[in-house]
Amino acid sequence: MKLSRITVYQIDLPIAGGYSFAKGKVVTTADTTVVRLDTDDGITGWGEACPLGPFYLPSYAQGIRTGVGVLAPHLIGLDPRQIGALNTRMDRELRGHAYVKSAIDVAAHDILGKSAGLPVHALLGGRQMDAVPMYWSISQGDPDDMRRQVDGARQVGYRQFQLKVGGVPADDIERIRAGLDGARPGEIFLCDANTGWRRDEALSVARATADLDYIFEQPCDLYSDNLSVRRRAPHTFKLDESLQSPQDVSQALHDDALDIGCIKITKMGGLSKSRFARDLCAANGIAMTVEDVWGAEIVTAALGHLAISTPPDAILNTTDLHNYNDVHIATGAPQARDGKLLVSDAPGLGIEPDLEVLGKPVAVHE
């Protein structure tokens, strides 16, 4: 089997109600890239990558499409089932830019699963549970509105809630207290600053809410600042944006910088390196959120397969990103039910893209 064609699509994903998070950032439409890999024996694989704007991580949507064009001449003719060799070639021809490589790696897993007649989760360690616990993200806003968002998610079965903070500390303290008001036994709350605070601001919020039981997530931008806050804050500590490679995970484990890690497929560079990072955390007793930056059904399928193949005692939660969007690009994605994500056993990713929604390709490489 040889890779014969790489096709690239661009789709705008309007976000239901907009998405507000740290530093006053609001995203109303996400720019997602879908990559299709065709082989000479007729098997097709699909991948997707979607940065949450150019200000969230060192990535941007147009960069994915340009980067795929750089890589394509070096990948045509390779066997996409040889995923390790495929990643070696990508890393040799394009240093860094993990987010560019992610959709290609995911699509290669889709091809390997289809060719073997196996779901992708079987390639990542095998199904470890029937369904994965999910969190619902509470967009940053008025404290009373955030409380209502928690109540709404609770009514449809969610027991884990991620409150978006990272703004003015005094306002965030009110948001945290409002979100946790009426918390029920067994519920889990994460307060995610998305790198929005300085070190002193993070410590002031932590001290002002020391009486509350929640997970303190990625308060600062710099790893050194997060490490300092982690050593002085009283809460369970989670890193997200600071973990952009397996090497970052290894360093954080060495420094005792986290209690919980966030493994996002696109920032790691695909399922291959995400699995490595996940297994490092699991081997060291670190619980994880297994998810991605943003995206539609193809991204949700990929994160679902990675999450369902994670040991149950090593996973905190996951999410279904496609349900935050107003446009849907494929059928067969994992589905939410009673606050849990259900993942199918269909071969490959188990999804079928809607070619009418994808529209005309923006690039075809042969």
Protein backbone atom coordinates (compact mmCIF):
# COMPACT_ATOMS: atom_id res chain seq x y z
CA MET A 1 0.00 0.00 0.00
CA LYS A 2 1.28 3.45 -0.94
CA LEU A 3 0.03 6.96 -0.28
CA SER A 4 -1.10 8.37 -3.61
CA ARG A 5 -2.87 11.65 -2.80
CA ILE A 6 -3.25 14.17 0.03
CA THR A 7 -6.31 16.38 -0.13
CA VAL A 8 -6.85 19.38 2.15
CA TYR A 9 -10.16 21.02 3.09
CA GLN A 10 -10.92 24.16 5.08
CA ILE A 11 -14.17 24.58 7.04
CA ASP A 12 -15.39 27.37 9.30
CA LEU A 13 -16.97 26.07 12.51
CA PRO A 14 -19.31 28.64 14.10
CA ILE A 15 -19.26 28.07 17.86
CA ALA A 16 -22.66 27.99 19.53
CA GLY A 17 -22.89 31.14 21.64
CA GLY A 18 -19.20 31.94 21.20
CA TYR A 19 -16.41 30.70 23.46
CA SER A 20 -14.87 33.07 26.02
CA PHE A 21 -11.72 32.28 27.98
CA ALA A 22 -8.59 33.93 29.39
CA LYS A 23 -7.30 37.43 28.68
CA GLY A 24 -10.60 38.53 27.18
CA LYS A 25 -10.28 36.18 24.20
CA VAL A 26 -13.53 35.22 22.48
CA VAL A 27 -13.76 32.79 19.58
CA THR A 28 -16.98 32.81 17.57
CA THR A 29 -15.75 30.74 14.61
CA ALA A 30 -12.98 28.14 14.54
CA ASP A 31 -10.99 27.51 11.35
CA THR A 32 -10.53 23.75 10.99
CA THR A 33 -8.43 21.81 8.47
CA VAL A 34 -9.42 18.34 7.29
CA VAL A 35 -6.81 16.12 5.63
CA ARG A 36 -7.70 13.15 3.44
CA LEU A 37 -5.10 10.50 2.64
CA ASP A 38 -5.80 8.27 -0.38
CA THR A 39 -3.91 5.08 -1.09
CA ASP A 40 -3.29 3.12 -4.27
CA ASP A 41 -5.52 0.27 -3.08
CA GLY A 42 -8.56 2.45 -2.38
CA ILE A 43 -8.41 2.85 1.40
CA THR A 44 -8.93 6.45 2.57
CA GLY A 45 -7.97 7.97 5.92
CA TRP A 46 -9.20 11.18 7.50
CA GLY A 47 -7.63 13.57 9.99
CA GLU A 48 -8.47 17.02 11.35
CA ALA A 49 -6.64 19.77 13.21
CA CYS A 50 -8.14 22.98 14.56
CA PRO A 51 -6.17 25.60 16.54
CA LEU A 52 -8.35 27.75 18.78
CA GLY A 53 -7.24 30.95 17.07
CA PRO A 54 -3.59 32.04 16.62
CA PHE A 55 -3.38 33.46 20.15
CA TYR A 56 -3.98 30.29 22.16
CA LEU A 57 -0.93 28.16 21.29
CA PRO A 58 2.01 28.67 18.89
CA SER A 59 -0.10 27.45 15.97
CA TYR A 60 -2.48 28.88 13.42
CA ALA A 61 -4.90 27.36 10.94
CA GLN A 62 -3.28 28.63 7.74
CA GLY A 63 0.01 27.17 8.95
CA ILE A 64 -1.46 23.67 8.90
CA ARG A 65 -2.45 23.93 5.27
CA THR A 66 0.89 25.45 4.23
CA GLY A 67 2.81 22.87 6.25
CA VAL A 68 0.94 19.95 4.70
CA GLY A 69 1.99 21.32 1.33
CA VAL A 70 5.62 21.31 2.47
CA LEU A 71 5.39 17.72 3.72
CA ALA A 72 3.31 16.21 0.93
CA PRO A 73 6.09 15.63 -1.65
CA HIS A 74 8.05 13.71 0.98
CA LEU A 75 5.11 11.49 1.96
CA ILE A 76 3.59 10.51 -1.39
CA GLY A 77 4.68 6.93 -2.14
CA LEU A 78 5.15 5.92 1.51
CA ASP A 79 3.10 3.19 3.16
CA PRO A 80 0.83 5.12 5.57
CA ARG A 81 0.38 2.00 7.71
CA GLN A 82 4.03 2.33 8.74
CA ILE A 83 3.12 5.15 11.09
CA GLY A 84 6.43 5.31 12.92
CA ALA A 85 8.34 5.68 9.66
CA LEU A 86 5.81 8.27 8.48
CA ASN A 87 6.42 10.36 11.61
CA THR A 88 10.17 10.01 11.27
CA ARG A 89 9.94 11.37 7.72
CA MET A 90 7.72 14.27 8.80
CA ASP A 91 10.07 15.20 11.63
CA ARG A 92 13.07 15.03 9.30
CA GLU A 93 11.52 17.23 6.63
CA LEU A 94 9.83 19.79 8.93
CA ARG A 95 11.34 20.55 12.32
CA GLY A 96 8.80 21.34 15.00
CA HIS A 97 5.32 22.48 13.94
CA ALA A 98 3.71 19.48 15.60
CA TYR A 99 0.24 20.84 14.91
CA VAL A 100 0.90 20.58 11.15
CA LYS A 101 1.62 16.86 11.42
CA SER A 102 -1.28 15.90 13.65
CA ALA A 103 -4.03 15.44 11.04
CA ILE A 104 -1.70 13.37 8.84
CA ASP A 105 -0.81 11.06 11.73
CA VAL A 106 -4.49 10.68 12.69
CA ALA A 107 -5.45 9.89 9.08
CA ALA A 108 -2.71 7.26 8.93
CA HIS A 109 -4.18 5.60 12.02
CA ASP A 110 -7.58 5.64 10.29
CA ILE A 111 -6.04 3.83 7.29
CA LEU A 112 -4.23 1.28 9.46
CA GLY A 113 -7.41 0.53 11.40
CA LYS A 114 -9.48 0.12 8.24
CA SER A 115 -6.87 -2.09 6.57
CA ALA A 116 -6.72 -4.34 9.65
CA GLY A 117 -10.48 -4.28 10.27
CA LEU A 118 -9.90 -2.81 13.73
CA PRO A 119 -11.02 0.34 15.54
CA VAL A 120 -8.25 2.84 16.17
CA HIS A 121 -8.52 2.26 19.92
CA ALA A 122 -7.32 -1.32 19.32
CA LEU A 123 -4.12 0.18 17.86
CA LEU A 124 -3.64 2.40 20.92
CA GLY A 125 -3.81 -0.28 23.59
CA GLY A 126 -7.33 -1.62 23.30
CA ARG A 127 -10.69 -0.66 24.77
CA GLN A 128 -10.35 -0.22 28.55
CA MET A 129 -13.88 0.87 29.49
CA ASP A 130 -17.40 1.08 28.14
CA ALA A 131 -17.51 4.89 28.18
CA VAL A 132 -15.30 7.78 29.29
CA PRO A 133 -16.33 10.43 31.87
CA MET A 134 -16.71 13.87 30.32
CA TYR A 135 -16.51 17.45 31.50
CA TRP A 136 -18.54 20.39 30.23
CA SER A 137 -16.71 23.65 29.62
CA ILE A 138 -18.31 26.72 31.19
CA SER A 139 -17.53 29.80 29.09
CA GLN A 140 -16.15 32.76 31.06
CA GLY A 141 -18.75 35.41 31.86
CA ASP A 142 -21.01 36.79 34.54
CA PRO A 143 -20.80 34.68 37.72
CA ASP A 144 -24.57 34.07 37.82
CA ASP A 145 -24.54 33.01 34.17
CA MET A 146 -21.70 30.58 34.86
CA ARG A 147 -23.71 29.13 37.73
CA ARG A 148 -26.64 28.65 35.36
CA GLN A 149 -24.35 26.96 32.83
CA VAL A 150 -23.25 24.50 35.51
CA ASP A 151 -26.87 23.77 36.41
CA GLY A 152 -27.74 23.24 32.74
CA ALA A 153 -24.90 20.77 32.22
CA ARG A 154 -25.83 19.01 35.44
CA GLN A 155 -29.37 18.49 34.16
CA VAL A 156 -28.12 16.47 31.17
CA GLY A 157 -25.89 14.19 33.20
CA TYR A 158 -22.55 15.96 33.59
CA ARG A 159 -20.70 15.62 36.88
CA GLN A 160 -17.48 17.37 35.87
CA PHE A 161 -17.34 21.08 35.06
CA GLN A 162 -14.50 23.24 33.75
CA LEU A 163 -14.94 26.90 34.72
CA LYS A 164 -13.10 29.32 32.44
CA VAL A 165 -11.30 31.99 34.46
CA GLY A 166 -7.99 33.81 33.85
CA GLY A 167 -9.38 37.36 33.85
CA VAL A 168 -9.35 39.99 36.59
CA PRO A 169 -8.55 38.03 39.78
CA ALA A 170 -11.32 39.63 41.88
CA ASP A 171 -13.86 38.76 39.18
CA ASP A 172 -12.50 35.24 38.86
CA ILE A 173 -12.84 34.65 42.59
CA GLU A 174 -16.54 35.50 42.23
CA ARG A 175 -16.82 33.21 39.20
CA ILE A 176 -15.25 30.31 41.10
CA ARG A 177 -17.47 30.78 44.12
CA ALA A 178 -20.57 31.06 41.94
CA GLY A 179 -19.69 27.99 39.89
CA LEU A 180 -19.09 25.85 42.97
CA ASP A 181 -22.17 27.16 44.76
CA GLY A 182 -24.40 24.17 45.33
CA ALA A 183 -21.74 21.63 44.36
CA ARG A 184 -22.96 18.10 44.93
CA PRO A 185 -21.10 15.09 46.34
CA GLY A 186 -18.99 13.39 43.70
CA GLU A 187 -18.89 16.35 41.35
CA ILE A 188 -15.53 17.59 40.06
CA PHE A 189 -14.73 21.21 39.25
CA LEU A 190 -11.75 22.50 37.31
CA CYS A 191 -10.92 26.20 37.26
CA ASP A 192 -8.97 26.78 34.07
CA ALA A 193 -7.11 30.08 33.64
CA ASN A 194 -5.69 29.10 30.22
CA THR A 195 -2.39 30.89 31.08
CA GLY A 196 -4.27 34.13 31.88
CA TRP A 197 -2.71 35.17 35.21
CA ARG A 198 0.66 36.42 36.39
CA ARG A 199 2.27 34.43 39.17
CA ASP A 200 1.10 36.86 41.89
CA GLU A 201 -2.46 36.90 40.52
CA ALA A 202 -2.65 33.12 40.48
CA LEU A 203 -1.49 32.93 44.09
CA SER A 204 -4.00 35.55 45.20
CA VAL A 205 -6.85 33.59 43.61
CA ALA A 206 -5.64 30.32 45.09
CA ARG A 207 -5.36 31.79 48.59
CA ALA A 208 -8.77 33.52 48.37
CA THR A 209 -10.44 30.24 47.41
CA ALA A 210 -8.43 27.88 49.60
CA ASP A 211 -11.63 26.75 51.31
CA LEU A 212 -13.05 25.37 48.04
CA ASP A 213 -12.37 21.95 46.53
CA TYR A 214 -11.42 22.30 42.87
CA ILE A 215 -8.60 21.58 40.44
CA PHE A 216 -6.34 24.56 39.65
CA GLU A 217 -5.61 24.41 35.91
CA GLN A 218 -2.77 26.13 34.01
CA PRO A 219 -2.81 29.49 35.83
CA CYS A 220 0.23 31.02 34.09
CA ASP A 221 1.88 31.06 30.70
CA LEU A 222 5.49 30.28 31.63
CA TYR A 223 6.29 26.81 32.90
CA SER A 224 8.53 28.28 35.62
CA ASP A 225 5.64 30.41 36.93
CA ASN A 226 3.31 27.42 36.99
CA LEU A 227 5.90 25.38 38.85
CA SER A 228 6.26 28.13 41.46
CA VAL A 229 2.49 28.44 41.92
CA ARG A 230 2.08 24.65 42.08
CA ARG A 231 4.52 24.53 45.01
CA ARG A 232 2.55 27.13 47.00
CA ALA A 233 -1.09 26.72 46.00
CA PRO A 234 -3.26 24.43 48.14
CA HIS A 235 -5.23 22.86 45.29
CA THR A 236 -4.78 19.82 43.08
CA PHE A 237 -2.74 21.15 40.13
CA LYS A 238 -3.24 20.52 36.42
CA LEU A 239 -1.03 21.47 33.47
CA ASP A 240 -2.36 21.88 29.94
CA GLU A 241 -0.70 24.44 27.66
CA SER A 242 2.70 23.73 29.20
CA LEU A 243 2.53 20.16 27.90
CA GLN A 244 3.18 20.39 24.16
CA SER A 245 5.35 17.31 23.64
CA PRO A 246 6.29 14.03 25.35
CA GLN A 247 9.50 15.79 26.40
CA ASP A 248 7.44 18.43 28.23
CA VAL A 249 5.59 15.67 30.04
CA SER A 250 8.86 14.03 31.04
CA GLN A 251 10.23 17.31 32.41
CA ALA A 252 7.02 18.01 34.36
CA LEU A 253 7.13 14.53 35.89
CA HIS A 254 10.77 15.06 36.88
CA ASP A 255 9.93 18.41 38.51
CA ASP A 256 6.78 17.14 40.27
CA ALA A 257 5.00 19.99 38.47
CA LEU A 258 1.54 18.46 38.21
CA ASP A 259 -1.07 16.16 39.66
CA ILE A 260 -3.10 15.99 36.44
CA GLY A 261 -1.98 16.39 32.83
CA CYS A 262 -3.89 17.40 29.72
CA ILE A 263 -3.02 15.44 26.58
CA LYS A 264 -4.27 17.24 23.48
CA ILE A 265 -3.68 15.44 20.21
CA THR A 266 -2.99 18.41 17.95
CA LYS A 267 -0.47 20.11 20.23
CA MET A 268 1.40 16.79 20.62
CA GLY A 269 1.54 16.20 16.86
CA GLY A 270 -0.94 13.35 16.45
CA LEU A 271 -2.03 10.11 18.06
CA SER A 272 1.45 8.55 18.00
CA LYS A 273 3.10 11.11 20.27
CA SER A 274 -0.07 11.63 22.29
CA ARG A 275 -0.08 7.92 23.10
CA PHE A 276 3.54 8.16 24.25
CA ALA A 277 2.75 11.15 26.46
CA ARG A 278 -0.36 9.43 27.81
CA ASP A 279 1.55 6.28 28.68
CA LEU A 280 4.26 8.31 30.44
CA CYS A 281 1.60 9.88 32.64
CA ALA A 282 -0.16 6.59 33.29
CA ALA A 283 3.09 4.85 34.25
CA ASN A 284 3.78 7.61 36.78
CA GLY A 285 0.35 7.66 38.40
CA ILE A 286 -0.74 10.95 36.82
CA ALA A 287 -4.42 11.30 35.96
CA MET A 288 -5.27 12.88 32.62
CA THR A 289 -7.72 14.79 30.55
CA VAL A 290 -7.46 13.22 27.08
CA GLU A 291 -8.82 15.58 24.43
CA ASP A 292 -7.81 18.09 21.75
CA VAL A 293 -7.59 21.83 21.17
CA TRP A 294 -10.78 22.23 19.10
CA GLY A 295 -12.44 20.65 16.10
CA ALA A 296 -15.43 18.77 14.79
CA GLU A 297 -16.40 15.10 14.45
CA ILE A 298 -13.06 13.81 13.16
CA VAL A 299 -11.19 15.37 16.09
CA THR A 300 -13.78 13.97 18.52
CA ALA A 301 -13.36 10.52 17.00
CA ALA A 302 -9.58 10.63 17.41
CA LEU A 303 -9.68 11.85 21.01
CA GLY A 304 -12.41 9.33 21.80
CA HIS A 305 -10.28 6.41 20.63
CA LEU A 306 -7.29 7.67 22.62
CA ALA A 307 -9.41 8.21 25.72
CA ILE A 308 -11.23 4.86 25.61
CA SER A 309 -7.87 3.04 25.38
CA THR A 310 -6.49 4.81 28.46
CA PRO A 311 -6.42 2.83 31.73
CA PRO A 312 -9.52 3.76 33.78
CA ASP A 313 -7.46 4.68 36.85
CA ALA A 314 -5.39 7.11 34.75
CA ILE A 315 -8.13 9.15 33.12
CA LEU A 316 -10.02 12.00 34.72
CA ASN A 317 -12.19 13.01 31.76
CA THR A 318 -12.54 13.84 28.08
CA THR A 319 -14.95 15.89 25.95
CA ASP A 320 -16.89 15.86 22.66
CA LEU A 321 -15.76 19.00 20.88
CA HIS A 322 -18.15 18.68 17.94
CA ASN A 323 -21.14 19.40 20.17
CA TYR A 324 -19.86 22.94 20.81
CA ASN A 325 -20.12 23.76 17.09
CA ASP A 326 -23.01 24.79 14.84
CA VAL A 327 -21.63 22.96 11.78
CA HIS A 328 -21.11 19.19 11.60
CA ILE A 329 -18.78 17.60 9.08
CA ALA A 330 -19.15 13.84 9.55
CA THR A 331 -21.31 11.04 10.91
CA GLY A 332 -20.25 8.23 13.23
CA ALA A 333 -18.44 10.35 15.83
CA PRO A 334 -18.47 9.31 19.49
CA GLN A 335 -21.62 10.45 21.26
CA ALA A 336 -22.30 11.92 24.69
CA ARG A 337 -24.79 10.20 26.96
CA ASP A 338 -25.37 11.02 30.62
CA GLY A 339 -22.06 12.84 30.88
CA LYS A 340 -20.01 10.05 29.29
CA LEU A 341 -18.49 9.58 25.83
CA LEU A 342 -19.38 6.43 23.90
CA VAL A 343 -16.91 5.26 21.24
CA SER A 344 -17.76 2.71 18.54
CA ASP A 345 -15.84 -0.40 17.50
CA ALA A 346 -16.15 0.35 13.77
CA PRO A 347 -12.89 -0.02 11.82
CA GLY A 348 -10.58 2.98 11.78
CA LEU A 349 -11.95 6.15 13.33
CA GLY A 350 -15.49 5.00 12.56
CA ILE A 351 -16.50 8.29 10.92
CA GLU A 352 -17.86 9.15 7.48
CA PRO A 353 -17.20 12.74 6.36
CA ASP A 354 -19.95 14.71 4.66
CA LEU A 355 -18.37 15.71 1.35
CA GLU A 356 -21.02 18.34 0.69
CA VAL A 357 -20.17 20.11 3.95
CA LEU A 358 -16.44 19.80 3.30
CA GLY A 359 -16.92 21.44 -0.09
CA LYS A 360 -14.21 22.01 -2.66
CA PRO A 361 -10.64 21.15 -1.55
CA VAL A 362 -8.25 24.04 -0.99
CA ALA A 363 -5.31 21.88 -2.07
CA VAL A 364 -4.63 18.51 -3.70
CA HIS A 365 -1.13 17.01 -3.56
CA GLU A 366 -0.23 14.01 -5.78
